[in-house]
Amino acid sequence: MGLGKAMVFGAFAIFPGMFLSLMAYVLIGAPKEQWGGMEDIGMYLACYGPFFSCIAIGFWLGVRDAEPMELE
């Protein structure tokens, strides 16, 4: 159950990741030129960082064990 839930959470985390990446791309000015080598590291971090971070956080939320709730 844990791995399946983690994969579903990671899959659903793609949508906020795409939104955050698009917002970062627009905020840095949406340059028209083609991406180059390592001199464009800021562009890579701004666009790929939020996307893969959201997927990783979603996967982590799915993998972690939920503590059992104690009813009183």
Protein backbone atom coordinates (compact mmCIF):
# COMPACT_ATOMS: atom_id res chain seq x y z
CA MET A 1 0.00 0.00 0.00
CA GLY A 2 2.80 2.43 0.82
CA LEU A 3 4.54 2.41 -2.57
CA GLY A 4 1.29 2.61 -4.53
CA LYS A 5 0.08 5.51 -2.41
CA ALA A 6 3.45 7.23 -2.83
CA MET A 7 3.29 6.90 -6.61
CA VAL A 8 -0.24 8.32 -6.72
CA PHE A 9 0.76 11.25 -4.49
CA GLY A 10 3.81 11.86 -6.68
CA ALA A 11 1.67 11.74 -9.82
CA PHE A 12 -0.81 14.26 -8.43
CA ALA A 13 2.07 16.48 -7.29
CA ILE A 14 2.96 17.01 -10.96
CA PHE A 15 0.17 19.59 -11.33
CA PRO A 16 1.30 22.07 -8.65
CA GLY A 17 4.87 21.46 -9.82
CA MET A 18 3.97 22.46 -13.37
CA PHE A 19 2.16 25.55 -12.10
CA LEU A 20 5.09 26.63 -9.90
CA SER A 21 7.57 26.04 -12.72
CA LEU A 22 5.48 28.09 -15.12
CA MET A 23 5.23 30.91 -12.59
CA ALA A 24 9.01 30.84 -12.04
CA TYR A 25 9.58 30.91 -15.81
CA VAL A 26 7.31 33.94 -16.18
CA LEU A 27 8.83 35.72 -13.16
CA ILE A 28 12.39 35.44 -14.51
CA GLY A 29 11.31 37.05 -17.75
CA ALA A 30 10.51 34.11 -20.08
CA PRO A 31 13.64 34.52 -22.24
CA LYS A 32 13.19 33.78 -25.94
CA GLU A 33 16.66 32.35 -26.58
CA GLN A 34 17.41 28.64 -26.48
CA TRP A 35 18.87 27.27 -23.28
CA GLY A 36 22.60 26.81 -23.43
CA GLY A 37 25.10 25.02 -21.23
CA MET A 38 25.96 25.40 -17.59
CA GLU A 39 25.92 29.22 -17.77
CA ASP A 40 22.11 29.01 -17.64
CA ILE A 41 22.07 27.14 -14.33
CA GLY A 42 19.63 29.69 -12.84
CA MET A 43 17.13 28.91 -15.58
CA TYR A 44 17.41 25.19 -14.92
CA LEU A 45 16.97 25.67 -11.18
CA ALA A 46 13.99 27.99 -11.58
CA CYS A 47 12.14 25.72 -14.00
CA TYR A 48 13.09 22.19 -13.00
CA GLY A 49 13.59 22.77 -9.27
CA PRO A 50 9.95 23.39 -8.28
CA PHE A 51 8.70 20.64 -10.60
CA PHE A 52 10.86 17.84 -9.25
CA SER A 53 10.68 19.15 -5.68
CA CYS A 54 6.88 18.91 -5.72
CA ILE A 55 7.07 15.35 -7.05
CA ALA A 56 9.62 14.39 -4.39
CA ILE A 57 7.54 15.94 -1.59
CA GLY A 58 4.41 14.19 -2.88
CA PHE A 59 6.27 10.87 -3.00
CA TRP A 60 7.61 11.41 0.51
CA LEU A 61 4.14 12.22 1.84
CA GLY A 62 2.85 8.99 0.31
CA VAL A 63 5.68 6.84 1.69
CA ARG A 64 5.67 8.09 5.25
CA ASP A 65 3.74 6.04 7.73
CA ALA A 66 0.65 7.59 9.20
CA GLU A 67 0.64 7.28 12.94
CA PRO A 68 -2.43 5.47 14.22
CA MET A 69 -4.98 7.77 15.81
CA GLU A 70 -6.09 6.95 19.32
CA LEU A 71 -9.77 7.48 19.91
CA GLU A 72 -10.85 8.40 23.39
